[in-house]
Amino acid sequence: MDEPVELVYYREKVKQDQSFSLKIKVMTNCPEAGIKGQLADGTWKIGVPAIAQRGEANKFLLQWLAGVLGCKIYQLKIIAGQHTSHKIVQFIP
């Protein structure tokens, strides 16, 4: 799937050190990591190959997002949904 247009917008916010939050639905045990689509409310569906145990999927998600957005992993924080598939991830410059 093509990456959402909004991704360019968020990469610019990272470059400009502007804080933002992303609504994400994580799909674990996917063959490859990536954006799999968007829900009607704008939530990104992101697949990760990690399992949803011992925080492995969360750790992978943050590492993957940091690479895609061009930021450091410590600049991303899961502020809601630590133990569910629906999360809110915040970028903190």
N, C-alpha and C. Protein backbone atom coordinates (compact mmCIF):
# COMPACT_ATOMS: atom_id res chain seq x y z
N MET A 1 0.84 -1.19 0.00
CA MET A 1 0.00 0.00 0.00
C MET A 1 0.88 1.24 0.00
N ASP A 2 0.45 2.27 -0.71
CA ASP A 2 1.17 3.54 -0.71
C ASP A 2 1.06 4.18 0.66
N GLU A 3 2.12 4.92 1.01
CA GLU A 3 2.07 5.59 2.31
C GLU A 3 1.11 6.76 2.24
N PRO A 4 0.45 7.06 3.36
CA PRO A 4 -0.51 8.16 3.36
C PRO A 4 0.16 9.51 3.13
N VAL A 5 -0.55 10.40 2.49
CA VAL A 5 -0.06 11.75 2.21
C VAL A 5 0.32 12.44 3.52
N GLU A 6 -0.42 12.14 4.58
CA GLU A 6 -0.16 12.77 5.87
C GLU A 6 1.25 12.49 6.39
N LEU A 7 1.86 11.39 5.92
CA LEU A 7 3.20 11.04 6.39
C LEU A 7 4.20 12.14 6.07
N VAL A 8 4.08 12.74 4.90
CA VAL A 8 4.95 13.86 4.52
C VAL A 8 4.74 15.02 5.50
N TYR A 9 3.49 15.27 5.84
CA TYR A 9 3.14 16.33 6.79
C TYR A 9 3.82 16.09 8.14
N TYR A 10 3.76 14.85 8.64
CA TYR A 10 4.34 14.55 9.94
C TYR A 10 5.87 14.56 9.90
N ARG A 11 6.45 14.17 8.79
CA ARG A 11 7.91 14.28 8.65
C ARG A 11 8.35 15.74 8.73
N GLU A 12 7.57 16.63 8.13
CA GLU A 12 7.87 18.06 8.21
C GLU A 12 7.76 18.57 9.64
N LYS A 13 6.75 18.10 10.36
CA LYS A 13 6.59 18.50 11.76
C LYS A 13 7.79 18.05 12.58
N VAL A 14 8.32 16.86 12.28
CA VAL A 14 9.52 16.37 12.97
C VAL A 14 10.69 17.30 12.67
N LYS A 15 10.87 17.64 11.40
CA LYS A 15 11.98 18.53 11.01
C LYS A 15 11.87 19.89 11.68
N GLN A 16 10.64 20.35 11.90
CA GLN A 16 10.42 21.66 12.51
C GLN A 16 10.29 21.58 14.03
N ASP A 17 10.53 20.39 14.60
CA ASP A 17 10.44 20.18 16.05
C ASP A 17 9.08 20.60 16.62
N GLN A 18 8.01 20.20 15.93
CA GLN A 18 6.65 20.49 16.39
C GLN A 18 6.02 19.21 16.93
N SER A 19 5.49 19.27 18.12
CA SER A 19 4.85 18.12 18.75
C SER A 19 3.56 17.73 18.01
N PHE A 20 3.27 16.43 17.99
CA PHE A 20 2.01 15.93 17.42
C PHE A 20 1.72 14.55 17.98
N SER A 21 0.49 14.10 17.77
CA SER A 21 0.07 12.76 18.19
C SER A 21 -0.52 12.01 17.00
N LEU A 22 -0.32 10.70 16.99
CA LEU A 22 -0.86 9.83 15.95
C LEU A 22 -1.76 8.78 16.59
N LYS A 23 -2.92 8.55 15.98
CA LYS A 23 -3.78 7.45 16.41
C LYS A 23 -3.41 6.25 15.55
N ILE A 24 -3.13 5.12 16.22
CA ILE A 24 -2.62 3.94 15.52
C ILE A 24 -3.35 2.70 16.01
N LYS A 25 -3.68 1.83 15.06
CA LYS A 25 -4.16 0.48 15.38
C LYS A 25 -3.06 -0.47 14.94
N VAL A 26 -2.50 -1.19 15.90
CA VAL A 26 -1.39 -2.10 15.63
C VAL A 26 -1.94 -3.48 15.30
N MET A 27 -1.43 -4.05 14.22
CA MET A 27 -1.75 -5.42 13.84
C MET A 27 -0.47 -6.24 14.00
N THR A 28 -0.45 -7.13 14.97
CA THR A 28 0.75 -7.90 15.28
C THR A 28 0.87 -9.14 14.39
N ASN A 29 2.05 -9.74 14.41
CA ASN A 29 2.36 -10.97 13.67
C ASN A 29 2.20 -10.82 12.16
N CYS A 30 2.40 -9.62 11.64
CA CYS A 30 2.34 -9.41 10.18
C CYS A 30 3.65 -9.87 9.55
N PRO A 31 3.59 -10.37 8.32
CA PRO A 31 4.83 -10.81 7.67
C PRO A 31 5.86 -9.70 7.49
N GLU A 32 5.39 -8.47 7.30
CA GLU A 32 6.32 -7.34 7.19
C GLU A 32 5.70 -6.10 7.81
N ALA A 33 6.56 -5.23 8.32
CA ALA A 33 6.10 -4.00 8.95
C ALA A 33 5.66 -3.00 7.89
N GLY A 34 4.67 -2.19 8.23
CA GLY A 34 4.28 -1.14 7.31
C GLY A 34 2.88 -0.64 7.56
N ILE A 35 2.56 0.45 6.88
CA ILE A 35 1.23 1.04 6.96
C ILE A 35 0.31 0.20 6.09
N LYS A 36 -0.75 -0.31 6.69
CA LYS A 36 -1.66 -1.22 5.99
C LYS A 36 -2.96 -0.54 5.58
N GLY A 37 -3.15 0.71 5.97
CA GLY A 37 -4.36 1.44 5.61
C GLY A 37 -4.71 2.45 6.68
N GLN A 38 -5.91 3.02 6.54
CA GLN A 38 -6.42 3.98 7.51
C GLN A 38 -7.87 3.67 7.79
N LEU A 39 -8.27 3.85 9.04
CA LEU A 39 -9.66 3.72 9.41
C LEU A 39 -10.39 5.01 9.08
N ALA A 40 -11.71 4.98 9.13
CA ALA A 40 -12.52 6.15 8.77
C ALA A 40 -12.20 7.38 9.61
N ASP A 41 -11.78 7.17 10.86
CA ASP A 41 -11.48 8.30 11.74
C ASP A 41 -10.04 8.82 11.59
N GLY A 42 -9.29 8.28 10.62
CA GLY A 42 -7.92 8.73 10.39
C GLY A 42 -6.87 7.91 11.10
N THR A 43 -7.29 6.95 11.91
CA THR A 43 -6.34 6.08 12.60
C THR A 43 -5.55 5.27 11.58
N TRP A 44 -4.23 5.24 11.75
CA TRP A 44 -3.38 4.46 10.86
C TRP A 44 -3.39 3.01 11.30
N LYS A 45 -3.52 2.08 10.36
CA LYS A 45 -3.36 0.65 10.65
C LYS A 45 -1.91 0.31 10.29
N ILE A 46 -1.16 -0.13 11.30
CA ILE A 46 0.24 -0.45 11.08
C ILE A 46 0.49 -1.89 11.48
N GLY A 47 1.06 -2.64 10.55
CA GLY A 47 1.42 -4.02 10.82
C GLY A 47 2.84 -4.11 11.34
N VAL A 48 3.03 -4.98 12.33
CA VAL A 48 4.37 -5.23 12.88
C VAL A 48 4.57 -6.74 12.97
N PRO A 49 5.79 -7.22 12.72
CA PRO A 49 6.04 -8.66 12.79
C PRO A 49 6.18 -9.19 14.22
N ALA A 50 6.28 -8.31 15.18
CA ALA A 50 6.46 -8.71 16.58
C ALA A 50 5.16 -9.22 17.18
N ILE A 51 5.30 -9.98 18.26
CA ILE A 51 4.13 -10.48 18.98
C ILE A 51 3.72 -9.48 20.06
N ALA A 52 2.47 -9.59 20.49
CA ALA A 52 1.93 -8.67 21.50
C ALA A 52 2.15 -9.25 22.89
N GLN A 53 3.40 -9.47 23.23
CA GLN A 53 3.74 -9.96 24.57
C GLN A 53 5.00 -9.25 25.05
N ARG A 54 5.03 -8.98 26.34
CA ARG A 54 6.19 -8.35 26.99
C ARG A 54 6.61 -7.04 26.31
N GLY A 55 5.66 -6.34 25.70
CA GLY A 55 5.94 -5.05 25.09
C GLY A 55 6.71 -5.12 23.77
N GLU A 56 6.86 -6.32 23.21
CA GLU A 56 7.65 -6.46 21.98
C GLU A 56 7.03 -5.70 20.81
N ALA A 57 5.73 -5.78 20.65
CA ALA A 57 5.07 -5.07 19.55
C ALA A 57 5.20 -3.56 19.73
N ASN A 58 5.04 -3.07 20.95
CA ASN A 58 5.19 -1.63 21.22
C ASN A 58 6.60 -1.16 20.90
N LYS A 59 7.59 -1.93 21.34
CA LYS A 59 8.98 -1.55 21.09
C LYS A 59 9.25 -1.51 19.58
N PHE A 60 8.78 -2.54 18.87
CA PHE A 60 8.98 -2.57 17.43
C PHE A 60 8.28 -1.39 16.76
N LEU A 61 7.04 -1.12 17.17
CA LEU A 61 6.28 0.00 16.61
C LEU A 61 7.05 1.31 16.73
N LEU A 62 7.55 1.59 17.92
CA LEU A 62 8.27 2.85 18.13
C LEU A 62 9.55 2.92 17.31
N GLN A 63 10.27 1.79 17.22
CA GLN A 63 11.50 1.77 16.40
C GLN A 63 11.16 2.00 14.94
N TRP A 64 10.12 1.34 14.47
CA TRP A 64 9.73 1.48 13.07
C TRP A 64 9.27 2.91 12.77
N LEU A 65 8.41 3.46 13.66
CA LEU A 65 7.92 4.83 13.46
C LEU A 65 9.05 5.84 13.46
N ALA A 66 10.03 5.67 14.35
CA ALA A 66 11.16 6.58 14.40
C ALA A 66 11.90 6.58 13.06
N GLY A 67 12.08 5.41 12.48
CA GLY A 67 12.73 5.32 11.17
C GLY A 67 11.93 5.97 10.06
N VAL A 68 10.63 5.74 10.06
CA VAL A 68 9.75 6.28 9.01
C VAL A 68 9.63 7.81 9.12
N LEU A 69 9.57 8.30 10.36
CA LEU A 69 9.37 9.74 10.57
C LEU A 69 10.68 10.52 10.58
N GLY A 70 11.81 9.82 10.74
CA GLY A 70 13.09 10.50 10.78
C GLY A 70 13.38 11.16 12.11
N CYS A 71 12.99 10.51 13.20
CA CYS A 71 13.26 11.04 14.53
C CYS A 71 13.94 9.97 15.38
N LYS A 72 14.30 10.32 16.59
CA LYS A 72 14.90 9.38 17.53
C LYS A 72 13.79 8.65 18.28
N ILE A 73 14.05 7.41 18.67
CA ILE A 73 13.03 6.62 19.34
C ILE A 73 12.62 7.26 20.67
N TYR A 74 13.54 7.92 21.35
CA TYR A 74 13.21 8.54 22.63
C TYR A 74 12.28 9.74 22.48
N GLN A 75 12.08 10.21 21.25
CA GLN A 75 11.16 11.33 21.01
C GLN A 75 9.71 10.86 20.81
N LEU A 76 9.50 9.55 20.80
CA LEU A 76 8.16 8.99 20.64
C LEU A 76 7.73 8.32 21.94
N LYS A 77 6.47 8.52 22.30
CA LYS A 77 5.95 7.94 23.53
C LYS A 77 4.52 7.48 23.30
N ILE A 78 4.22 6.28 23.75
CA ILE A 78 2.84 5.80 23.71
C ILE A 78 2.13 6.42 24.91
N ILE A 79 1.20 7.32 24.64
CA ILE A 79 0.52 8.03 25.73
C ILE A 79 -0.84 7.42 26.06
N ALA A 80 -1.32 6.51 25.21
CA ALA A 80 -2.57 5.80 25.49
C ALA A 80 -2.54 4.48 24.73
N GLY A 81 -3.09 3.44 25.35
CA GLY A 81 -3.18 2.15 24.69
C GLY A 81 -1.97 1.26 24.83
N GLN A 82 -1.23 1.42 25.91
CA GLN A 82 -0.02 0.64 26.14
C GLN A 82 -0.29 -0.87 26.03
N HIS A 83 -1.47 -1.30 26.45
CA HIS A 83 -1.79 -2.74 26.48
C HIS A 83 -2.94 -3.12 25.55
N THR A 84 -3.23 -2.28 24.54
CA THR A 84 -4.29 -2.58 23.58
C THR A 84 -3.76 -2.36 22.17
N SER A 85 -4.54 -2.76 21.17
CA SER A 85 -4.09 -2.56 19.79
C SER A 85 -4.30 -1.12 19.32
N HIS A 86 -5.21 -0.39 19.95
CA HIS A 86 -5.45 1.02 19.61
C HIS A 86 -4.59 1.89 20.51
N LYS A 87 -3.72 2.71 19.89
CA LYS A 87 -2.76 3.51 20.65
C LYS A 87 -2.75 4.95 20.18
N ILE A 88 -2.25 5.80 21.03
CA ILE A 88 -1.93 7.17 20.65
C ILE A 88 -0.45 7.34 20.93
N VAL A 89 0.30 7.69 19.88
CA VAL A 89 1.74 7.88 19.99
C VAL A 89 2.01 9.36 19.80
N GLN A 90 2.79 9.92 20.73
CA GLN A 90 3.10 11.35 20.67
C GLN A 90 4.57 11.55 20.31
N PHE A 91 4.82 12.53 19.43
CA PHE A 91 6.18 12.97 19.12
C PHE A 91 6.48 14.16 20.01
N ILE A 92 7.57 14.06 20.75
CA ILE A 92 7.98 15.12 21.65
C ILE A 92 9.38 15.57 21.25
N PRO A 93 9.51 16.78 20.68
CA PRO A 93 10.83 17.24 20.22
C PRO A 93 11.81 17.46 21.37
